[in-house]
N, C-alpha and C. Protein backbone atom coordinates (compact mmCIF):
# COMPACT_ATOMS: atom_id res chain seq x y z
N UNK A 1 -4.11 219.81 57.13
CA UNK A 1 -4.53 218.82 58.10
C UNK A 1 -6.00 218.46 57.92
N UNK A 2 -6.82 219.49 57.65
CA UNK A 2 -8.24 219.25 57.44
C UNK A 2 -8.47 218.36 56.22
N UNK A 3 -7.70 218.60 55.13
CA UNK A 3 -7.83 217.81 53.92
C UNK A 3 -7.50 216.34 54.20
N UNK A 4 -6.44 216.09 54.97
CA UNK A 4 -6.03 214.72 55.29
C UNK A 4 -7.12 214.02 56.11
N UNK A 5 -7.70 214.71 57.08
CA UNK A 5 -8.77 214.13 57.89
C UNK A 5 -9.98 213.80 57.02
N UNK A 6 -10.31 214.68 56.07
CA UNK A 6 -11.43 214.44 55.16
C UNK A 6 -11.16 213.22 54.29
N UNK A 7 -9.93 213.12 53.76
CA UNK A 7 -9.55 211.99 52.90
C UNK A 7 -9.65 210.67 53.67
N UNK A 8 -9.15 210.62 54.87
CA UNK A 8 -9.23 209.41 55.69
C UNK A 8 -10.68 209.06 55.97
N UNK A 9 -11.49 210.05 56.30
CA UNK A 9 -12.90 209.82 56.58
C UNK A 9 -13.63 209.31 55.34
N UNK A 10 -13.35 209.88 54.18
CA UNK A 10 -14.00 209.46 52.94
C UNK A 10 -13.61 208.03 52.59
N UNK A 11 -12.35 207.69 52.73
CA UNK A 11 -11.90 206.33 52.44
C UNK A 11 -12.54 205.33 53.40
N UNK A 12 -12.65 205.68 54.65
CA UNK A 12 -13.29 204.80 55.63
C UNK A 12 -14.75 204.59 55.27
N UNK A 13 -15.43 205.63 54.82
CA UNK A 13 -16.84 205.52 54.42
C UNK A 13 -16.99 204.60 53.23
N UNK A 14 -16.10 204.71 52.25
CA UNK A 14 -16.15 203.83 51.09
C UNK A 14 -15.91 202.38 51.48
N UNK A 15 -15.02 202.14 52.41
CA UNK A 15 -14.75 200.78 52.86
C UNK A 15 -15.98 200.18 53.52
N UNK A 16 -16.68 200.96 54.31
CA UNK A 16 -17.90 200.47 54.97
C UNK A 16 -18.98 200.18 53.94
N UNK A 17 -19.15 201.06 52.96
CA UNK A 17 -20.16 200.83 51.91
C UNK A 17 -19.82 199.57 51.13
N UNK A 18 -18.56 199.38 50.78
CA UNK A 18 -18.15 198.18 50.05
C UNK A 18 -18.43 196.92 50.83
N UNK A 19 -18.20 196.95 52.11
CA UNK A 19 -18.45 195.79 52.96
C UNK A 19 -19.95 195.50 53.08
N UNK A 20 -20.74 196.53 53.21
CA UNK A 20 -22.18 196.35 53.38
C UNK A 20 -22.83 195.76 52.13
N UNK A 21 -22.29 196.08 50.95
CA UNK A 21 -22.92 195.61 49.73
C UNK A 21 -22.41 194.22 49.31
N UNK A 22 -21.36 193.71 49.93
CA UNK A 22 -20.84 192.39 49.59
C UNK A 22 -21.83 191.32 50.00
N UNK A 23 -21.94 190.29 49.15
CA UNK A 23 -22.86 189.19 49.44
C UNK A 23 -22.39 188.42 50.67
N UNK A 24 -23.34 187.95 51.44
CA UNK A 24 -23.05 187.15 52.62
C UNK A 24 -23.31 185.69 52.29
N UNK A 25 -22.81 184.81 53.14
CA UNK A 25 -23.09 183.39 52.99
C UNK A 25 -24.58 183.14 53.14
N UNK A 26 -25.10 182.12 52.46
CA UNK A 26 -26.50 181.75 52.68
C UNK A 26 -26.71 181.37 54.14
N UNK A 27 -27.93 181.53 54.63
CA UNK A 27 -28.23 181.13 56.01
C UNK A 27 -29.20 179.96 56.01
N UNK A 28 -29.03 179.10 57.01
CA UNK A 28 -29.91 177.94 57.21
C UNK A 28 -30.87 178.23 58.34
N UNK A 29 -32.12 177.89 58.14
CA UNK A 29 -33.08 177.93 59.23
C UNK A 29 -32.91 176.69 60.08
N UNK A 30 -33.73 176.54 61.12
CA UNK A 30 -33.63 175.35 61.97
C UNK A 30 -34.00 174.08 61.19
N UNK A 31 -33.44 172.97 61.61
CA UNK A 31 -33.70 171.70 60.94
C UNK A 31 -35.06 171.14 61.36
N UNK A 32 -35.75 170.55 60.40
CA UNK A 32 -36.98 169.80 60.65
C UNK A 32 -36.68 168.35 60.27
N UNK A 33 -37.00 167.41 61.13
CA UNK A 33 -36.69 166.01 60.86
C UNK A 33 -37.98 165.25 60.57
N UNK A 34 -37.99 164.58 59.41
CA UNK A 34 -39.11 163.71 59.03
C UNK A 34 -38.61 162.28 59.22
N UNK A 35 -39.18 161.60 60.18
CA UNK A 35 -38.67 160.29 60.60
C UNK A 35 -39.17 159.15 59.72
N UNK A 36 -38.50 158.02 59.87
CA UNK A 36 -38.90 156.80 59.16
C UNK A 36 -40.36 156.49 59.46
N UNK A 37 -41.05 155.98 58.46
CA UNK A 37 -42.47 155.66 58.60
C UNK A 37 -43.39 156.78 58.11
N UNK A 38 -42.86 157.99 57.96
CA UNK A 38 -43.63 159.13 57.43
C UNK A 38 -43.50 159.17 55.91
N UNK A 39 -44.36 159.93 55.27
CA UNK A 39 -44.31 160.10 53.81
C UNK A 39 -43.33 161.21 53.45
N UNK A 40 -42.62 161.03 52.35
CA UNK A 40 -41.67 162.05 51.91
C UNK A 40 -42.36 163.06 50.98
N UNK A 41 -42.07 164.35 51.16
CA UNK A 41 -42.66 165.37 50.30
C UNK A 41 -41.89 165.58 48.98
N UNK A 42 -40.75 164.90 48.82
CA UNK A 42 -39.88 165.13 47.65
C UNK A 42 -39.31 163.82 47.14
N UNK A 43 -38.69 163.87 45.97
CA UNK A 43 -37.90 162.76 45.44
C UNK A 43 -36.45 162.95 45.89
N UNK A 44 -35.78 161.84 46.19
CA UNK A 44 -34.35 161.89 46.47
C UNK A 44 -33.69 161.00 45.42
N UNK A 45 -33.06 161.63 44.45
CA UNK A 45 -32.46 160.92 43.32
C UNK A 45 -31.45 159.89 43.79
N UNK A 46 -31.44 158.75 43.11
CA UNK A 46 -30.46 157.70 43.39
C UNK A 46 -30.75 156.88 44.62
N UNK A 47 -31.87 157.12 45.28
CA UNK A 47 -32.19 156.39 46.51
C UNK A 47 -33.53 155.67 46.44
N UNK A 48 -34.14 155.67 45.28
CA UNK A 48 -35.44 155.01 45.10
C UNK A 48 -36.45 155.50 46.13
N UNK A 49 -36.34 156.77 46.48
CA UNK A 49 -37.29 157.40 47.40
C UNK A 49 -38.01 158.49 46.63
N UNK A 50 -39.29 158.28 46.39
CA UNK A 50 -40.08 159.19 45.56
C UNK A 50 -41.16 159.85 46.39
N UNK A 51 -41.55 161.06 45.96
CA UNK A 51 -42.59 161.83 46.65
C UNK A 51 -43.78 160.93 46.98
N UNK A 52 -44.22 160.98 48.24
CA UNK A 52 -45.37 160.21 48.69
C UNK A 52 -45.02 158.83 49.22
N UNK A 53 -43.77 158.39 48.99
CA UNK A 53 -43.34 157.08 49.50
C UNK A 53 -43.06 157.17 51.00
N UNK A 54 -43.06 156.03 51.65
CA UNK A 54 -42.75 155.97 53.07
C UNK A 54 -41.24 155.96 53.27
N UNK A 55 -40.77 156.80 54.17
CA UNK A 55 -39.34 156.84 54.48
C UNK A 55 -38.97 155.54 55.19
N UNK A 56 -37.96 154.87 54.67
CA UNK A 56 -37.59 153.54 55.16
C UNK A 56 -36.96 153.57 56.56
N UNK A 57 -37.11 152.45 57.25
CA UNK A 57 -36.49 152.25 58.56
C UNK A 57 -34.97 152.44 58.42
N UNK A 58 -34.37 153.10 59.40
CA UNK A 58 -32.93 153.35 59.38
C UNK A 58 -32.55 154.62 58.64
N UNK A 59 -33.56 155.36 58.15
CA UNK A 59 -33.29 156.62 57.47
C UNK A 59 -34.19 157.71 58.03
N UNK A 60 -33.81 158.94 57.79
CA UNK A 60 -34.65 160.08 58.10
C UNK A 60 -34.35 161.17 57.08
N UNK A 61 -35.31 162.04 56.88
CA UNK A 61 -35.16 163.15 55.96
C UNK A 61 -35.06 164.42 56.79
N UNK A 62 -33.99 165.17 56.57
CA UNK A 62 -33.79 166.44 57.28
C UNK A 62 -34.04 167.59 56.31
N UNK A 63 -34.74 168.62 56.79
CA UNK A 63 -35.09 169.76 55.95
C UNK A 63 -34.63 171.06 56.60
N UNK A 64 -34.04 171.93 55.77
CA UNK A 64 -33.63 173.27 56.19
C UNK A 64 -34.16 174.28 55.18
N UNK A 65 -34.62 175.42 55.65
CA UNK A 65 -34.96 176.52 54.77
C UNK A 65 -33.68 177.35 54.59
N UNK A 66 -33.29 177.56 53.34
CA UNK A 66 -32.07 178.30 53.02
C UNK A 66 -32.46 179.66 52.45
N UNK A 67 -31.79 180.71 52.91
CA UNK A 67 -32.02 182.05 52.39
C UNK A 67 -30.71 182.60 51.86
N UNK A 68 -30.74 183.09 50.63
CA UNK A 68 -29.57 183.73 50.02
C UNK A 68 -29.60 185.21 50.35
N UNK A 69 -28.41 185.80 50.39
CA UNK A 69 -28.26 187.23 50.65
C UNK A 69 -27.44 187.86 49.53
N UNK A 70 -27.72 187.46 48.31
CA UNK A 70 -26.94 187.87 47.14
C UNK A 70 -26.12 186.69 46.65
N UNK A 71 -25.47 186.88 45.53
CA UNK A 71 -24.64 185.80 44.97
C UNK A 71 -23.53 185.46 45.97
N UNK A 72 -23.25 184.16 46.09
CA UNK A 72 -22.23 183.74 47.05
C UNK A 72 -21.59 182.45 46.57
N UNK A 73 -20.29 182.35 46.74
CA UNK A 73 -19.56 181.11 46.45
C UNK A 73 -19.28 180.34 47.74
N UNK A 74 -19.81 180.82 48.85
CA UNK A 74 -19.57 180.18 50.14
C UNK A 74 -20.37 178.89 50.24
N UNK A 75 -19.77 177.87 50.80
CA UNK A 75 -20.50 176.62 51.05
C UNK A 75 -21.02 176.63 52.48
N UNK A 76 -22.08 175.88 52.71
CA UNK A 76 -22.59 175.71 54.06
C UNK A 76 -22.66 174.22 54.34
N UNK A 77 -22.65 173.86 55.60
CA UNK A 77 -22.58 172.46 56.01
C UNK A 77 -23.94 171.97 56.50
N UNK A 78 -24.34 170.82 55.96
CA UNK A 78 -25.55 170.14 56.42
C UNK A 78 -25.10 168.94 57.25
N UNK A 79 -25.74 168.72 58.39
CA UNK A 79 -25.34 167.65 59.30
C UNK A 79 -26.45 166.62 59.49
N UNK A 80 -26.04 165.35 59.43
CA UNK A 80 -26.93 164.27 59.85
C UNK A 80 -26.75 164.10 61.36
N UNK A 81 -27.64 163.35 61.97
CA UNK A 81 -27.54 163.08 63.40
C UNK A 81 -26.36 162.17 63.71
N UNK A 82 -26.03 162.04 65.00
CA UNK A 82 -24.92 161.17 65.40
C UNK A 82 -25.11 159.75 64.87
N UNK A 83 -24.04 159.17 64.33
CA UNK A 83 -24.09 157.81 63.82
C UNK A 83 -24.74 157.66 62.46
N UNK A 84 -25.10 158.76 61.82
CA UNK A 84 -25.75 158.70 60.50
C UNK A 84 -24.86 159.35 59.45
N UNK A 85 -25.15 159.03 58.19
CA UNK A 85 -24.38 159.59 57.08
C UNK A 85 -25.32 160.06 55.98
N UNK A 86 -24.84 161.00 55.19
CA UNK A 86 -25.61 161.52 54.05
C UNK A 86 -25.63 160.50 52.93
N UNK A 87 -26.83 160.25 52.39
CA UNK A 87 -26.95 159.35 51.25
C UNK A 87 -27.70 160.00 50.08
N UNK A 88 -28.19 161.23 50.25
CA UNK A 88 -28.86 161.91 49.14
C UNK A 88 -29.34 163.29 49.51
N UNK A 89 -29.51 164.12 48.49
CA UNK A 89 -30.07 165.46 48.65
C UNK A 89 -31.29 165.59 47.76
N UNK A 90 -32.22 166.44 48.15
CA UNK A 90 -33.40 166.67 47.33
C UNK A 90 -33.97 168.06 47.55
N UNK A 91 -34.81 168.47 46.60
CA UNK A 91 -35.51 169.74 46.68
C UNK A 91 -36.90 169.57 46.08
N UNK A 92 -37.78 170.51 46.40
CA UNK A 92 -39.11 170.49 45.82
C UNK A 92 -39.03 170.96 44.38
N UNK A 93 -40.07 170.70 43.61
CA UNK A 93 -40.12 171.13 42.22
C UNK A 93 -40.04 172.64 42.11
N UNK A 94 -39.37 173.11 41.09
CA UNK A 94 -39.25 174.53 40.77
C UNK A 94 -38.77 175.39 41.94
N UNK A 95 -37.64 175.04 42.55
CA UNK A 95 -37.14 175.84 43.68
C UNK A 95 -36.55 177.16 43.18
N UNK A 96 -36.47 178.14 44.06
CA UNK A 96 -35.80 179.41 43.75
C UNK A 96 -34.29 179.24 43.76
N UNK A 97 -33.79 178.24 44.48
CA UNK A 97 -32.36 177.99 44.61
C UNK A 97 -32.04 176.57 44.17
N UNK A 98 -30.89 176.42 43.54
CA UNK A 98 -30.39 175.09 43.21
C UNK A 98 -29.26 174.75 44.16
N UNK A 99 -29.18 173.49 44.55
CA UNK A 99 -28.14 173.03 45.48
C UNK A 99 -27.22 172.06 44.74
N UNK A 100 -25.95 172.08 45.13
CA UNK A 100 -24.99 171.10 44.63
C UNK A 100 -23.96 170.82 45.72
N UNK A 101 -23.37 169.65 45.66
CA UNK A 101 -22.33 169.29 46.61
C UNK A 101 -21.08 170.10 46.28
N UNK A 102 -20.49 170.71 47.30
CA UNK A 102 -19.29 171.53 47.13
C UNK A 102 -18.10 170.65 46.78
N UNK A 103 -17.20 171.21 46.01
CA UNK A 103 -15.98 170.51 45.63
C UNK A 103 -15.24 170.07 46.88
N UNK A 104 -14.78 168.82 46.89
CA UNK A 104 -14.05 168.28 48.03
C UNK A 104 -14.93 167.63 49.08
N UNK A 105 -16.24 167.77 48.95
CA UNK A 105 -17.17 167.15 49.89
C UNK A 105 -17.83 165.96 49.19
N UNK A 106 -18.41 165.04 49.96
CA UNK A 106 -19.04 163.88 49.33
C UNK A 106 -20.04 163.22 50.27
N UNK A 107 -20.85 162.37 49.68
CA UNK A 107 -21.81 161.59 50.44
C UNK A 107 -21.07 160.54 51.27
N UNK A 108 -21.80 159.91 52.21
CA UNK A 108 -21.21 158.85 53.02
C UNK A 108 -20.59 159.35 54.31
N UNK A 109 -20.74 160.62 54.60
CA UNK A 109 -20.20 161.20 55.84
C UNK A 109 -21.32 161.87 56.62
N UNK A 110 -21.05 162.17 57.87
CA UNK A 110 -22.07 162.83 58.71
C UNK A 110 -22.34 164.25 58.23
N UNK A 111 -21.32 164.93 57.72
CA UNK A 111 -21.51 166.29 57.23
C UNK A 111 -21.22 166.33 55.73
N UNK A 112 -21.90 167.25 55.09
CA UNK A 112 -21.66 167.48 53.67
C UNK A 112 -21.74 168.99 53.44
N UNK A 113 -20.80 169.50 52.65
CA UNK A 113 -20.80 170.93 52.31
C UNK A 113 -21.52 171.10 50.98
N UNK A 114 -22.39 172.06 50.92
CA UNK A 114 -23.16 172.32 49.71
C UNK A 114 -23.09 173.80 49.35
N UNK A 115 -23.35 174.09 48.08
CA UNK A 115 -23.42 175.47 47.59
C UNK A 115 -24.76 175.68 46.93
N UNK A 116 -25.19 176.92 46.93
CA UNK A 116 -26.48 177.27 46.34
C UNK A 116 -26.29 178.37 45.30
N UNK A 117 -27.16 178.36 44.30
CA UNK A 117 -27.24 179.46 43.35
C UNK A 117 -28.70 179.68 43.02
N UNK A 118 -29.01 180.91 42.68
CA UNK A 118 -30.40 181.25 42.35
C UNK A 118 -30.78 180.65 41.01
N UNK A 119 -32.03 180.23 40.91
CA UNK A 119 -32.58 179.73 39.64
C UNK A 119 -32.61 180.88 38.64
N UNK A 120 -32.69 180.57 37.35
CA UNK A 120 -32.78 181.64 36.35
C UNK A 120 -33.95 182.59 36.66
N UNK A 121 -33.71 183.86 36.44
CA UNK A 121 -34.69 184.92 36.62
C UNK A 121 -35.12 185.12 38.08
N UNK A 122 -34.32 184.59 39.03
CA UNK A 122 -34.59 184.77 40.45
C UNK A 122 -33.49 185.65 41.04
N UNK A 123 -33.87 186.70 41.73
CA UNK A 123 -32.91 187.58 42.39
C UNK A 123 -32.30 186.83 43.56
N UNK A 124 -30.96 186.67 43.59
CA UNK A 124 -30.34 185.92 44.69
C UNK A 124 -30.44 186.62 46.05
N UNK A 125 -30.74 187.90 46.06
CA UNK A 125 -30.90 188.61 47.34
C UNK A 125 -32.28 188.31 47.89
N UNK A 126 -32.34 187.45 48.89
CA UNK A 126 -33.62 187.09 49.51
C UNK A 126 -34.27 185.84 48.96
N UNK A 127 -33.65 185.21 47.96
CA UNK A 127 -34.21 183.96 47.42
C UNK A 127 -34.19 182.89 48.49
N UNK A 128 -35.25 182.07 48.54
CA UNK A 128 -35.36 181.04 49.58
C UNK A 128 -35.84 179.73 48.97
N UNK A 129 -35.39 178.63 49.57
CA UNK A 129 -35.85 177.31 49.16
C UNK A 129 -35.52 176.33 50.28
N UNK A 130 -36.24 175.23 50.30
CA UNK A 130 -35.93 174.16 51.25
C UNK A 130 -34.98 173.17 50.60
N UNK A 131 -34.01 172.71 51.38
CA UNK A 131 -33.12 171.65 50.95
C UNK A 131 -33.33 170.48 51.91
N UNK A 132 -33.32 169.28 51.35
CA UNK A 132 -33.55 168.06 52.12
C UNK A 132 -32.33 167.17 52.03
N UNK A 133 -31.96 166.55 53.14
CA UNK A 133 -30.86 165.58 53.17
C UNK A 133 -31.43 164.26 53.69
N UNK A 134 -31.18 163.21 52.94
CA UNK A 134 -31.55 161.86 53.39
C UNK A 134 -30.38 161.32 54.17
N UNK A 135 -30.62 160.99 55.44
CA UNK A 135 -29.58 160.49 56.33
C UNK A 135 -29.89 159.04 56.69
N UNK A 136 -28.85 158.24 56.73
CA UNK A 136 -28.99 156.81 57.01
C UNK A 136 -28.09 156.43 58.17
N UNK A 137 -28.62 155.62 59.10
CA UNK A 137 -27.78 155.18 60.21
C UNK A 137 -26.69 154.26 59.69
N UNK A 138 -25.57 154.25 60.35
CA UNK A 138 -24.40 153.52 59.89
C UNK A 138 -24.64 152.01 59.75
N UNK A 139 -25.55 151.45 60.50
CA UNK A 139 -25.80 150.02 60.47
C UNK A 139 -26.58 149.55 59.24
N UNK A 140 -27.10 150.44 58.44
CA UNK A 140 -27.92 150.06 57.29
C UNK A 140 -27.12 149.99 56.02
C-alpha cells in the first residue's frame, strides 16, 4: 500500500512539473492609443505611413507591449475600437519578437489574431516588444 501511495504521489509531482515548465501564451500589456494628428513612431507597411509622419484623420495607431513566456504557438487577439478595422501592423526596428497574422485571420476586421516568435538569438522566455495596429474607421 505504501508503494502504491508513493507511486501516485511521484506521478502527480511529475505532472505538476511538466505543467509548470510548459510555455504559456504571450501576454499583452494595456493598450496605448496614438490618435490622428500625432506623429507615428514606426512604419506601417502597405499604408504609406512612415516613422515621423502624421497619423491621418480617420485612423489611429494602437500599441501593446507583448511579453513571451517561452516558445508558443498560441495566437492572441488585437482589437480596434468600435466601428474601426485593422489595416496594418507594425513594429519598431530590431524587435525582440516578430509578429505575423495567424492563419485564418485577416485585415479588414475589428479583431485580428496574431502570433509571435522570438528574434534569432533571443530567449523567448521573457522576450518583450511593442506591436502596433493601424485602425481605420469604417467610413474611410
